[in-house]
Amino acid sequence: MTLPIDTEDEMREELATLYRLIAHFRMTDLIDTHISARVPHTEHFLINEYGCLFHEIGPDQLVKIDRNGDIVDREREGRKRVNRAGFVIHSAVHMARGDVACVVHTHTADGIAVACQEAGLLPISQHALRFHGRLSYHDYEGIAVDLGERERLIRDLGRNEAMILRNHGLLAIGRSVAAAFANIYFLERACQVQTKAQAGSGPLRMPSAEVMARTAAQFDPDESDWHSQLFWASARRLVV
């Protein structure tokens, strides 16, 4: 079990580890996706310096910004810059969801493939059933550089911890870095399973409605924090 994150330096280390894990699992799009984490006890959040590959990111490659997208510590951050779309998406969540510590956005091939399907994520695997009844969808509006999209994104997210951005990619959040990692890992895996299953020649087998509901209840987010922490502690050994 990992200890609570209480300082900015601790959060920088934790978030940098998550970036390297996302690179390890090949969930990057070179420089064009982003992960953020709230600085403890503040309204600021950390996000990647635009132009860095995920496997390169350490604590010093993270930029602290405020709700307006302004870099908080210019003396420390120098000439660093952040992705405008990253600011719009992540600031929307951090401003509206005080319970959220970490936000992950990906552009994986399987995630985008499912995001392009009208039916979205199908409840055909145990991984997908983790999100049954608690997965949001947000329609594509173009590259997310318009501040006006923040309100619509948050409206669509609601109180869920995962969302499919139609024609775009995946979004997962968590009350800790560990929880956000578990959510994006299982959502990505569910998308991978779906695209592979659809590539086969036979019809897809759906669990019964009763089984879907029971399995989803077994993944109750309020009861799964211990698993997310254990999952995170195990995964981070791959990159530290």
Protein backbone atom coordinates (compact mmCIF):
# COMPACT_ATOMS: atom_id res chain seq x y z
CA MET A 1 0.00 0.00 0.00
CA THR A 2 1.41 3.41 -0.98
CA LEU A 3 1.39 6.38 1.39
CA PRO A 4 -0.82 9.43 0.70
CA ILE A 5 0.76 12.12 -1.47
CA ASP A 6 1.01 15.32 0.57
CA THR A 7 3.60 17.57 -1.13
CA GLU A 8 4.29 18.92 -4.59
CA ASP A 9 7.62 17.11 -4.81
CA GLU A 10 5.96 13.79 -3.96
CA MET A 11 3.29 14.39 -6.58
CA ARG A 12 5.92 15.27 -9.19
CA GLU A 13 7.64 11.93 -8.54
CA GLU A 14 4.34 10.03 -8.65
CA LEU A 15 3.13 11.69 -11.84
CA ALA A 16 6.48 11.24 -13.60
CA THR A 17 6.29 7.54 -12.77
CA LEU A 18 2.84 7.37 -14.35
CA TYR A 19 4.14 8.99 -17.54
CA ARG A 20 6.85 6.37 -17.82
CA LEU A 21 4.33 3.59 -17.16
CA ILE A 22 2.05 4.86 -19.92
CA ALA A 23 5.09 4.79 -22.21
CA HIS A 24 5.95 1.27 -21.02
CA PHE A 25 2.48 0.04 -21.97
CA ARG A 26 2.66 1.86 -25.34
CA MET A 27 -0.28 4.12 -24.68
CA THR A 28 1.45 7.28 -25.94
CA ASP A 29 0.94 9.35 -29.09
CA LEU A 30 4.49 10.73 -29.04
CA ILE A 31 4.03 14.26 -27.59
CA ASP A 32 0.32 14.75 -28.24
CA THR A 33 -1.44 13.38 -25.18
CA HIS A 34 -1.22 14.36 -21.56
CA ILE A 35 -1.59 13.39 -17.92
CA SER A 36 -2.11 15.83 -15.07
CA ALA A 37 -2.19 15.74 -11.29
CA ARG A 38 -3.44 18.24 -8.75
CA VAL A 39 -0.77 19.81 -6.55
CA PRO A 40 -1.83 18.88 -3.00
CA HIS A 41 -3.64 21.61 -1.02
CA THR A 42 -3.75 24.02 -4.01
CA GLU A 43 -5.81 24.82 -7.10
CA HIS A 44 -2.77 24.26 -9.33
CA PHE A 45 -1.99 21.17 -11.34
CA LEU A 46 1.04 19.58 -12.98
CA ILE A 47 1.13 18.59 -16.64
CA ASN A 48 3.81 17.55 -19.10
CA GLU A 49 6.10 20.02 -20.80
CA TYR A 50 4.98 20.08 -24.43
CA GLY A 51 7.55 18.40 -26.65
CA CYS A 52 8.78 15.77 -24.20
CA LEU A 53 8.30 12.08 -24.92
CA PHE A 54 6.63 10.25 -22.06
CA HIS A 55 9.59 7.99 -21.30
CA GLU A 56 11.76 11.11 -20.89
CA ILE A 57 9.59 12.71 -18.25
CA GLY A 58 10.92 13.13 -14.75
CA PRO A 59 9.82 15.54 -12.00
CA ASP A 60 11.54 18.49 -13.70
CA GLN A 61 9.71 17.98 -17.01
CA LEU A 62 6.36 18.71 -15.35
CA VAL A 63 4.91 22.22 -15.46
CA LYS A 64 2.76 23.74 -12.71
CA ILE A 65 -0.12 25.78 -14.11
CA ASP A 66 -3.21 27.49 -12.74
CA ARG A 67 -6.84 27.43 -13.86
CA ASN A 68 -6.10 30.08 -16.49
CA GLY A 69 -3.32 28.04 -18.06
CA ASP A 70 -0.62 30.36 -16.74
CA ILE A 71 2.66 28.87 -15.56
CA VAL A 72 2.84 29.45 -11.81
CA ASP A 73 6.59 29.44 -11.23
CA ARG A 74 8.25 31.11 -14.21
CA GLU A 75 11.63 31.21 -12.49
CA ARG A 76 11.65 27.43 -12.08
CA GLU A 77 9.86 26.52 -15.31
CA GLY A 78 11.79 28.86 -17.60
CA ARG A 79 10.51 28.76 -21.18
CA LYS A 80 8.48 25.59 -20.84
CA ARG A 81 5.10 25.44 -22.51
CA VAL A 82 2.07 23.17 -22.34
CA ASN A 83 -0.30 21.76 -24.93
CA ARG A 84 -3.34 24.07 -25.28
CA ALA A 85 -5.74 21.14 -25.73
CA GLY A 86 -4.21 19.49 -22.70
CA PHE A 87 -4.89 22.59 -20.62
CA VAL A 88 -8.52 22.81 -21.78
CA ILE A 89 -9.33 19.16 -21.08
CA HIS A 90 -7.48 18.84 -17.79
CA SER A 91 -8.44 22.21 -16.34
CA ALA A 92 -12.10 21.36 -16.98
CA VAL A 93 -11.85 18.28 -14.78
CA HIS A 94 -9.71 19.80 -12.04
CA MET A 95 -11.95 22.87 -11.78
CA ALA A 96 -15.19 20.91 -11.58
CA ARG A 97 -14.19 17.78 -9.70
CA GLY A 98 -12.49 18.53 -6.41
CA ASP A 99 -12.40 14.80 -5.66
CA VAL A 100 -10.06 14.16 -8.60
CA ALA A 101 -6.29 14.02 -8.12
CA CYS A 102 -5.22 12.75 -11.55
CA VAL A 103 -6.48 12.89 -15.15
CA VAL A 104 -5.19 10.69 -18.01
CA HIS A 105 -5.96 11.24 -21.70
CA THR A 106 -4.79 8.84 -24.42
CA HIS A 107 -4.94 8.46 -28.21
CA THR A 108 -4.30 4.74 -28.60
CA ALA A 109 -5.33 2.98 -31.80
CA ASP A 110 -7.72 0.65 -29.99
CA GLY A 111 -9.17 3.42 -27.87
CA ILE A 112 -9.82 5.60 -30.91
CA ALA A 113 -11.23 2.62 -32.82
CA VAL A 114 -13.84 2.04 -30.12
CA ALA A 115 -14.45 5.79 -29.89
CA CYS A 116 -15.34 5.73 -33.60
CA GLN A 117 -18.00 3.04 -33.14
CA GLU A 118 -21.60 4.12 -32.63
CA ALA A 119 -22.14 1.50 -29.91
CA GLY A 120 -19.00 2.53 -28.03
CA LEU A 121 -17.58 0.07 -25.52
CA LEU A 122 -19.43 -3.25 -25.59
CA PRO A 123 -19.95 -5.25 -22.36
CA ILE A 124 -18.24 -8.33 -23.78
CA SER A 125 -15.31 -8.73 -21.38
CA GLN A 126 -14.64 -8.61 -17.66
CA HIS A 127 -12.46 -5.57 -18.31
CA ALA A 128 -15.35 -3.77 -20.02
CA LEU A 129 -17.80 -4.68 -17.25
CA ARG A 130 -15.66 -2.70 -14.82
CA PHE A 131 -17.20 0.34 -16.55
CA HIS A 132 -20.72 -1.00 -17.13
CA GLY A 133 -23.18 1.71 -16.16
CA ARG A 134 -20.40 4.14 -15.23
CA LEU A 135 -18.83 5.12 -18.57
CA SER A 136 -19.47 8.54 -20.11
CA TYR A 137 -19.31 9.74 -23.73
CA HIS A 138 -18.43 13.15 -25.15
CA ASP A 139 -19.08 14.06 -28.79
CA TYR A 140 -16.17 15.26 -30.90
CA GLU A 141 -15.98 19.03 -31.40
CA GLY A 142 -12.59 19.29 -33.09
CA ILE A 143 -9.22 19.84 -31.40
CA ALA A 144 -10.05 20.84 -27.84
CA VAL A 145 -8.68 24.39 -27.80
CA ASP A 146 -11.98 26.21 -27.12
CA LEU A 147 -12.57 27.02 -23.45
CA GLY A 148 -16.29 26.75 -24.08
CA GLU A 149 -15.94 23.00 -24.49
CA ARG A 150 -14.98 22.61 -20.84
CA GLU A 151 -18.56 23.00 -19.64
CA ARG A 152 -19.86 20.40 -22.09
CA LEU A 153 -17.06 17.98 -21.30
CA ILE A 154 -17.79 18.14 -17.58
CA ARG A 155 -21.53 17.85 -18.15
CA ASP A 156 -20.94 14.65 -20.13
CA LEU A 157 -18.45 13.23 -17.62
CA GLY A 158 -20.83 13.64 -14.69
CA ARG A 159 -19.67 11.70 -11.63
CA ASN A 160 -18.03 8.88 -13.60
CA GLU A 161 -14.30 8.14 -13.63
CA ALA A 162 -13.96 7.17 -17.29
CA MET A 163 -15.13 8.65 -20.56
CA ILE A 164 -14.82 7.89 -24.26
CA LEU A 165 -14.16 10.99 -26.33
CA ARG A 166 -15.95 10.20 -29.59
CA ASN A 167 -13.64 10.01 -32.64
CA HIS A 168 -10.78 11.09 -30.37
CA GLY A 169 -9.62 8.83 -27.54
CA LEU A 170 -10.01 7.90 -23.90
CA LEU A 171 -10.16 9.84 -20.64
CA ALA A 172 -9.75 8.35 -17.17
CA ILE A 173 -9.59 10.06 -13.79
CA GLY A 174 -9.00 9.02 -10.22
CA ARG A 175 -8.92 10.17 -6.63
CA SER A 176 -5.24 9.22 -6.70
CA VAL A 177 -2.60 8.61 -9.36
CA ALA A 178 -2.98 4.91 -8.60
CA ALA A 179 -6.73 4.97 -9.25
CA ALA A 180 -6.36 6.92 -12.49
CA PHE A 181 -3.75 4.44 -13.72
CA ALA A 182 -5.99 1.48 -12.94
CA ASN A 183 -8.90 3.12 -14.76
CA ILE A 184 -6.96 3.92 -17.93
CA TYR A 185 -5.25 0.52 -17.93
CA PHE A 186 -8.50 -1.44 -17.73
CA LEU A 187 -10.33 0.86 -20.15
CA GLU A 188 -7.54 0.50 -22.70
CA ARG A 189 -7.46 -3.27 -22.22
CA ALA A 190 -11.24 -3.45 -22.72
CA CYS A 191 -10.87 -1.57 -26.00
CA GLN A 192 -8.07 -3.88 -27.13
CA VAL A 193 -10.22 -6.93 -26.41
CA GLN A 194 -13.17 -5.45 -28.29
CA THR A 195 -11.25 -4.63 -31.47
CA LYS A 196 -9.66 -8.09 -31.50
CA ALA A 197 -12.99 -9.82 -30.87
CA GLN A 198 -14.60 -7.85 -33.68
CA ALA A 199 -11.85 -8.94 -36.04
CA GLY A 200 -13.01 -12.56 -35.72
CA SER A 201 -15.57 -14.14 -38.00
CA GLY A 202 -18.14 -15.23 -35.41
CA PRO A 203 -20.83 -13.33 -33.48
CA LEU A 204 -19.89 -11.75 -30.16
CA ARG A 205 -21.12 -13.44 -26.98
CA MET A 206 -22.74 -11.07 -24.50
CA PRO A 207 -23.17 -11.90 -20.80
CA SER A 208 -26.71 -11.77 -19.46
CA ALA A 209 -28.03 -8.50 -18.06
CA GLU A 210 -27.96 -10.06 -14.59
CA VAL A 211 -24.30 -11.01 -14.90
CA MET A 212 -23.42 -7.58 -16.27
CA ALA A 213 -25.03 -5.86 -13.29
CA ARG A 214 -23.48 -8.22 -10.74
CA THR A 215 -20.00 -7.90 -12.23
CA ALA A 216 -20.24 -4.11 -12.37
CA ALA A 217 -21.23 -4.08 -8.70
CA GLN A 218 -18.17 -6.20 -7.88
CA PHE A 219 -16.08 -3.36 -9.33
CA ASP A 220 -17.65 -0.76 -7.01
CA PRO A 221 -15.19 2.19 -7.06
CA ASP A 222 -15.74 2.84 -3.35
CA GLU A 223 -14.49 -0.66 -2.56
CA SER A 224 -11.63 -0.89 -5.06
CA ASP A 225 -9.10 1.61 -3.71
CA TRP A 226 -7.05 -1.13 -2.03
CA HIS A 227 -6.79 -2.96 -5.38
CA SER A 228 -5.77 0.21 -7.24
CA GLN A 229 -3.02 0.86 -4.68
CA LEU A 230 -1.73 -2.71 -4.91
CA PHE A 231 -1.98 -2.60 -8.72
CA TRP A 232 -0.02 0.66 -8.78
CA ALA A 233 2.67 -0.53 -6.36
CA SER A 234 3.24 -3.58 -8.55
CA ALA A 235 3.21 -1.73 -11.87
CA ARG A 236 5.57 1.05 -10.82
CA ARG A 237 8.32 -1.54 -10.23
CA LEU A 238 8.46 -1.85 -14.03
CA VAL A 239 9.88 1.66 -14.38
CA VAL A 240 11.55 2.63 -11.09
